[in-house]
């Protein structure tokens, strides 16, 4: 005989939380405020039944989103790599301009800016004249000065 107390009981587990499920699938699932999120798909999942998660993982959308997230992670640079890359680009640009006597102020010319942005890989990373002069010219000057000193020292030894 079914009583009122047994009829309302749910068969869902009561002791499993979204945090527990997220620990089972690190990097794929994340919990926030008691809700379980699929990170690649950016959707909320029911954490109470494992079969719901398995069904979601089997979908084409999830497979596609995991693949896209993996490819994007390969393309992304860390902050230190990106800042180092920008520094190298800027110092090379300053060294090139000073070697062929092009004033750094020409970097702000609209035609040159358009060319750098459209035709040069990472050309948009080259800042304006004032930032080039303040941040990069001194380092390029010191490096050129040291190279000149070593070249003169070698010539004196000969």
C-alpha atoms as a PDB file:
ATOM      1  CA  UNK A   1       0.000   0.000   0.000  1.00  0.00           C
ATOM      2  CA  UNK A   2       1.329   3.458  -0.955  1.00  0.00           C
ATOM      3  CA  UNK A   3       1.140   6.079   1.727  1.00  0.00           C
ATOM      4  CA  UNK A   4       1.544   9.834   1.356  1.00  0.00           C
ATOM      5  CA  UNK A   5       5.046   9.756   2.828  1.00  0.00           C
ATOM      6  CA  UNK A   6       6.349   7.134   0.356  1.00  0.00           C
ATOM      7  CA  UNK A   7       4.519   8.510  -2.708  1.00  0.00           C
ATOM      8  CA  UNK A   8       6.374  11.834  -2.560  1.00  0.00           C
ATOM      9  CA  UNK A   9       9.837  10.326  -2.201  1.00  0.00           C
ATOM     10  CA  UNK A  10      12.103  10.931  -5.154  1.00  0.00           C
ATOM     11  CA  UNK A  11      14.482   8.377  -6.555  1.00  0.00           C
ATOM     12  CA  UNK A  12      17.094  11.067  -7.170  1.00  0.00           C
ATOM     13  CA  UNK A  13      20.220  10.930  -5.035  1.00  0.00           C
ATOM     14  CA  UNK A  14      20.231  13.494  -2.269  1.00  0.00           C
ATOM     15  CA  UNK A  15      23.870  13.317  -1.246  1.00  0.00           C
ATOM     16  CA  UNK A  16      25.549  14.171  -4.564  1.00  0.00           C
ATOM     17  CA  UNK A  17      26.182  17.847  -5.243  1.00  0.00           C
ATOM     18  CA  UNK A  18      27.219  19.846  -8.287  1.00  0.00           C
ATOM     19  CA  UNK A  19      30.619  20.263  -6.679  1.00  0.00           C
ATOM     20  CA  UNK A  20      31.035  16.475  -6.442  1.00  0.00           C
ATOM     21  CA  UNK A  21      30.171  16.016 -10.129  1.00  0.00           C
ATOM     22  CA  UNK A  22      32.562  18.814 -11.132  1.00  0.00           C
ATOM     23  CA  UNK A  23      35.359  16.990  -9.287  1.00  0.00           C
ATOM     24  CA  UNK A  24      34.601  13.866 -11.324  1.00  0.00           C
ATOM     25  CA  UNK A  25      35.081  15.781 -14.611  1.00  0.00           C
ATOM     26  CA  UNK A  26      37.774  18.435 -14.054  1.00  0.00           C
ATOM     27  CA  UNK A  27      38.226  20.910 -16.884  1.00  0.00           C
ATOM     28  CA  UNK A  28      34.906  19.915 -18.472  1.00  0.00           C
ATOM     29  CA  UNK A  29      32.380  20.609 -15.734  1.00  0.00           C
ATOM     30  CA  UNK A  30      32.346  23.474 -13.285  1.00  0.00           C
ATOM     31  CA  UNK A  31      30.049  24.273 -10.375  1.00  0.00           C
ATOM     32  CA  UNK A  32      28.794  27.674  -9.380  1.00  0.00           C
ATOM     33  CA  UNK A  33      26.094  28.390  -6.842  1.00  0.00           C
ATOM     34  CA  UNK A  34      24.978  24.770  -6.685  1.00  0.00           C
ATOM     35  CA  UNK A  35      24.565  24.515 -10.456  1.00  0.00           C
ATOM     36  CA  UNK A  36      26.665  22.387 -12.768  1.00  0.00           C
ATOM     37  CA  UNK A  37      27.988  23.984 -15.962  1.00  0.00           C
ATOM     38  CA  UNK A  38      29.507  22.347 -19.012  1.00  0.00           C
ATOM     39  CA  UNK A  39      32.439  24.668 -19.685  1.00  0.00           C
ATOM     40  CA  UNK A  40      32.893  24.042 -23.446  1.00  0.00           C
ATOM     41  CA  UNK A  41      29.142  24.227 -24.197  1.00  0.00           C
ATOM     42  CA  UNK A  42      28.383  26.974 -21.682  1.00  0.00           C
ATOM     43  CA  UNK A  43      25.168  25.318 -20.512  1.00  0.00           C
ATOM     44  CA  UNK A  44      23.653  24.196 -17.202  1.00  0.00           C
ATOM     45  CA  UNK A  45      23.296  20.444 -16.577  1.00  0.00           C
ATOM     46  CA  UNK A  46      21.332  18.450 -14.009  1.00  0.00           C
ATOM     47  CA  UNK A  47      23.929  17.107 -11.587  1.00  0.00           C
ATOM     48  CA  UNK A  48      21.669  14.603  -9.833  1.00  0.00           C
ATOM     49  CA  UNK A  49      21.823  11.819 -12.442  1.00  0.00           C
ATOM     50  CA  UNK A  50      25.041  10.661 -14.053  1.00  0.00           C
ATOM     51  CA  UNK A  51      23.117   9.413 -17.092  1.00  0.00           C
ATOM     52  CA  UNK A  52      22.102  13.000 -17.864  1.00  0.00           C
ATOM     53  CA  UNK A  53      25.770  13.955 -17.996  1.00  0.00           C
ATOM     54  CA  UNK A  54      26.653  10.917 -20.116  1.00  0.00           C
ATOM     55  CA  UNK A  55      23.848  11.764 -22.551  1.00  0.00           C
ATOM     56  CA  UNK A  56      25.126  15.334 -22.834  1.00  0.00           C
ATOM     57  CA  UNK A  57      28.722  14.173 -23.421  1.00  0.00           C
ATOM     58  CA  UNK A  58      27.479  11.935 -26.249  1.00  0.00           C
ATOM     59  CA  UNK A  59      25.846  14.804 -28.164  1.00  0.00           C
ATOM     60  CA  UNK A  60      27.357  16.185 -31.347  1.00  0.00           C
ATOM     61  CA  UNK A  61      27.206  19.714 -29.957  1.00  0.00           C
ATOM     62  CA  UNK A  62      29.385  18.790 -26.973  1.00  0.00           C
ATOM     63  CA  UNK A  63      31.930  17.013 -29.179  1.00  0.00           C
ATOM     64  CA  UNK A  64      32.075  19.995 -31.531  1.00  0.00           C
ATOM     65  CA  UNK A  65      32.471  22.491 -28.687  1.00  0.00           C
ATOM     66  CA  UNK A  66      35.232  20.453 -26.987  1.00  0.00           C
ATOM     67  CA  UNK A  67      37.125  20.257 -30.272  1.00  0.00           C
ATOM     68  CA  UNK A  68      36.734  24.016 -30.867  1.00  0.00           C
ATOM     69  CA  UNK A  69      37.861  24.805 -27.296  1.00  0.00           C
ATOM     70  CA  UNK A  70      40.957  22.630 -27.753  1.00  0.00           C
ATOM     71  CA  UNK A  71      41.920  24.372 -30.984  1.00  0.00           C
ATOM     72  CA  UNK A  72      41.383  27.792 -29.451  1.00  0.00           C
ATOM     73  CA  UNK A  73      43.569  26.888 -26.474  1.00  0.00           C
ATOM     74  CA  UNK A  74      46.399  25.972 -28.865  1.00  0.00           C
ATOM     75  CA  UNK A  75      46.132  29.354 -30.602  1.00  0.00           C
ATOM     76  CA  UNK A  76      46.033  31.401 -27.431  1.00  0.00           C
ATOM     77  CA  UNK A  77      49.254  32.880 -26.056  1.00  0.00           C
ATOM     78  CA  UNK A  78      49.885  33.429 -22.406  1.00  0.00           C
ATOM     79  CA  UNK A  79      50.151  37.010 -21.208  1.00  0.00           C
ATOM     80  CA  UNK A  80      53.933  36.809 -20.866  1.00  0.00           C
ATOM     81  CA  UNK A  81      54.355  35.343 -24.363  1.00  0.00           C
ATOM     82  CA  UNK A  82      52.122  38.046 -25.836  1.00  0.00           C
ATOM     83  CA  UNK A  83      53.893  40.898 -24.030  1.00  0.00           C
ATOM     84  CA  UNK A  84      57.310  39.501 -24.997  1.00  0.00           C
ATOM     85  CA  UNK A  85      56.177  39.173 -28.597  1.00  0.00           C
ATOM     86  CA  UNK A  86      54.903  42.768 -28.615  1.00  0.00           C
ATOM     87  CA  UNK A  87      58.163  44.025 -27.100  1.00  0.00           C
ATOM     88  CA  UNK A  88      60.227  42.237 -29.767  1.00  0.00           C
ATOM     89  CA  UNK A  89      58.016  43.597 -32.551  1.00  0.00           C
ATOM     90  CA  UNK A  90      58.213  47.154 -31.234  1.00  0.00           C
ATOM     91  CA  UNK A  91      61.969  47.092 -30.633  1.00  0.00           C
ATOM     92  CA  UNK A  92      62.541  45.644 -34.100  1.00  0.00           C
ATOM     93  CA  UNK A  93      60.344  48.371 -35.603  1.00  0.00           C
ATOM     94  CA  UNK A  94      62.252  51.117 -33.744  1.00  0.00           C
ATOM     95  CA  UNK A  95      65.607  49.618 -34.741  1.00  0.00           C
ATOM     96  CA  UNK A  96      64.527  49.405 -38.382  1.00  0.00           C
ATOM     97  CA  UNK A  97      63.193  52.960 -38.481  1.00  0.00           C
ATOM     98  CA  UNK A  98      66.287  54.406 -36.863  1.00  0.00           C
ATOM     99  CA  UNK A  99      68.641  52.369 -39.088  1.00  0.00           C
ATOM    100  CA  UNK A 100      67.107  53.772 -42.288  1.00  0.00           C
ATOM    101  CA  UNK A 101      66.480  57.287 -40.903  1.00  0.00           C
ATOM    102  CA  UNK A 102      62.686  57.191 -40.824  1.00  0.00           C
ATOM    103  CA  UNK A 103      61.360  59.380 -38.015  1.00  0.00           C
ATOM    104  CA  UNK A 104      59.299  57.429 -35.475  1.00  0.00           C
ATOM    105  CA  UNK A 105      56.565  60.042 -35.851  1.00  0.00           C
ATOM    106  CA  UNK A 106      55.823  58.544 -39.287  1.00  0.00           C
ATOM    107  CA  UNK A 107      54.411  55.527 -37.443  1.00  0.00           C
ATOM    108  CA  UNK A 108      51.329  57.638 -36.755  1.00  0.00           C
ATOM    109  CA  UNK A 109      50.745  58.484 -40.429  1.00  0.00           C
ATOM    110  CA  UNK A 110      47.351  57.093 -41.526  1.00  0.00           C
ATOM    111  CA  UNK A 111      48.720  55.419 -44.684  1.00  0.00           C
ATOM    112  CA  UNK A 112      51.520  53.659 -42.772  1.00  0.00           C
ATOM    113  CA  UNK A 113      49.139  52.685 -39.944  1.00  0.00           C
ATOM    114  CA  UNK A 114      46.715  51.190 -42.501  1.00  0.00           C
ATOM    115  CA  UNK A 115      49.567  49.245 -44.123  1.00  0.00           C
ATOM    116  CA  UNK A 116      50.801  47.894 -40.779  1.00  0.00           C
ATOM    117  CA  UNK A 117      47.325  46.791 -39.708  1.00  0.00           C
ATOM    118  CA  UNK A 118      46.373  45.148 -43.010  1.00  0.00           C
ATOM    119  CA  UNK A 119      49.593  43.757 -44.475  1.00  0.00           C
ATOM    120  CA  UNK A 120      51.993  43.116 -41.580  1.00  0.00           C
ATOM    121  CA  UNK A 121      51.408  40.225 -39.172  1.00  0.00           C
ATOM    122  CA  UNK A 122      51.063  41.734 -35.681  1.00  0.00           C
ATOM    123  CA  UNK A 123      51.463  45.190 -37.206  1.00  0.00           C
ATOM    124  CA  UNK A 124      48.616  46.412 -35.025  1.00  0.00           C
ATOM    125  CA  UNK A 125      50.830  45.754 -32.000  1.00  0.00           C
ATOM    126  CA  UNK A 126      53.082  48.676 -32.943  1.00  0.00           C
ATOM    127  CA  UNK A 127      51.980  51.623 -30.805  1.00  0.00           C
ATOM    128  CA  UNK A 128      52.071  55.315 -31.627  1.00  0.00           C
ATOM    129  CA  UNK A 129      55.116  57.586 -31.804  1.00  0.00           C
ATOM    130  CA  UNK A 130      55.137  58.731 -28.181  1.00  0.00           C
ATOM    131  CA  UNK A 131      54.978  55.230 -26.725  1.00  0.00           C
ATOM    132  CA  UNK A 132      57.663  54.005 -29.134  1.00  0.00           C
ATOM    133  CA  UNK A 133      59.925  56.845 -28.096  1.00  0.00           C
ATOM    134  CA  UNK A 134      59.279  56.527 -24.361  1.00  0.00           C
ATOM    135  CA  UNK A 135      59.300  52.758 -23.968  1.00  0.00           C
ATOM    136  CA  UNK A 136      61.444  51.249 -26.738  1.00  0.00           C
ATOM    137  CA  UNK A 137      63.900  53.811 -28.124  1.00  0.00           C
ATOM    138  CA  UNK A 138      66.076  53.768 -24.996  1.00  0.00           C
ATOM    139  CA  UNK A 139      66.449  49.973 -25.038  1.00  0.00           C
ATOM    140  CA  UNK A 140      67.276  49.959 -28.763  1.00  0.00           C
ATOM    141  CA  UNK A 141      69.802  52.752 -28.262  1.00  0.00           C
ATOM    142  CA  UNK A 142      71.550  50.912 -25.415  1.00  0.00           C
ATOM    143  CA  UNK A 143      71.678  47.672 -27.410  1.00  0.00           C
ATOM    144  CA  UNK A 144      73.140  49.445 -30.474  1.00  0.00           C
ATOM    145  CA  UNK A 145      75.649  51.247 -28.269  1.00  0.00           C
ATOM    146  CA  UNK A 146      76.844  47.947 -26.761  1.00  0.00           C
ATOM    147  CA  UNK A 147      77.128  46.363 -30.222  1.00  0.00           C
ATOM    148  CA  UNK A 148      79.179  49.326 -31.415  1.00  0.00           C
ATOM    149  CA  UNK A 149      81.475  49.077 -28.370  1.00  0.00           C
ATOM    150  CA  UNK A 150      82.128  45.376 -28.978  1.00  0.00           C
ATOM    151  CA  UNK A 151      82.743  46.015 -32.681  1.00  0.00           C
ATOM    152  CA  UNK A 152      85.251  48.776 -31.884  1.00  0.00           C
ATOM    153  CA  UNK A 153      86.948  46.630 -29.256  1.00  0.00           C
ATOM    154  CA  UNK A 154      87.362  43.812 -31.785  1.00  0.00           C
ATOM    155  CA  UNK A 155      88.798  46.194 -34.386  1.00  0.00           C
ATOM    156  CA  UNK A 156      91.295  47.619 -31.879  1.00  0.00           C
ATOM    157  CA  UNK A 157      92.529  44.106 -31.097  1.00  0.00           C
ATOM    158  CA  UNK A 158      93.234  43.421 -34.756  1.00  0.00           C
END
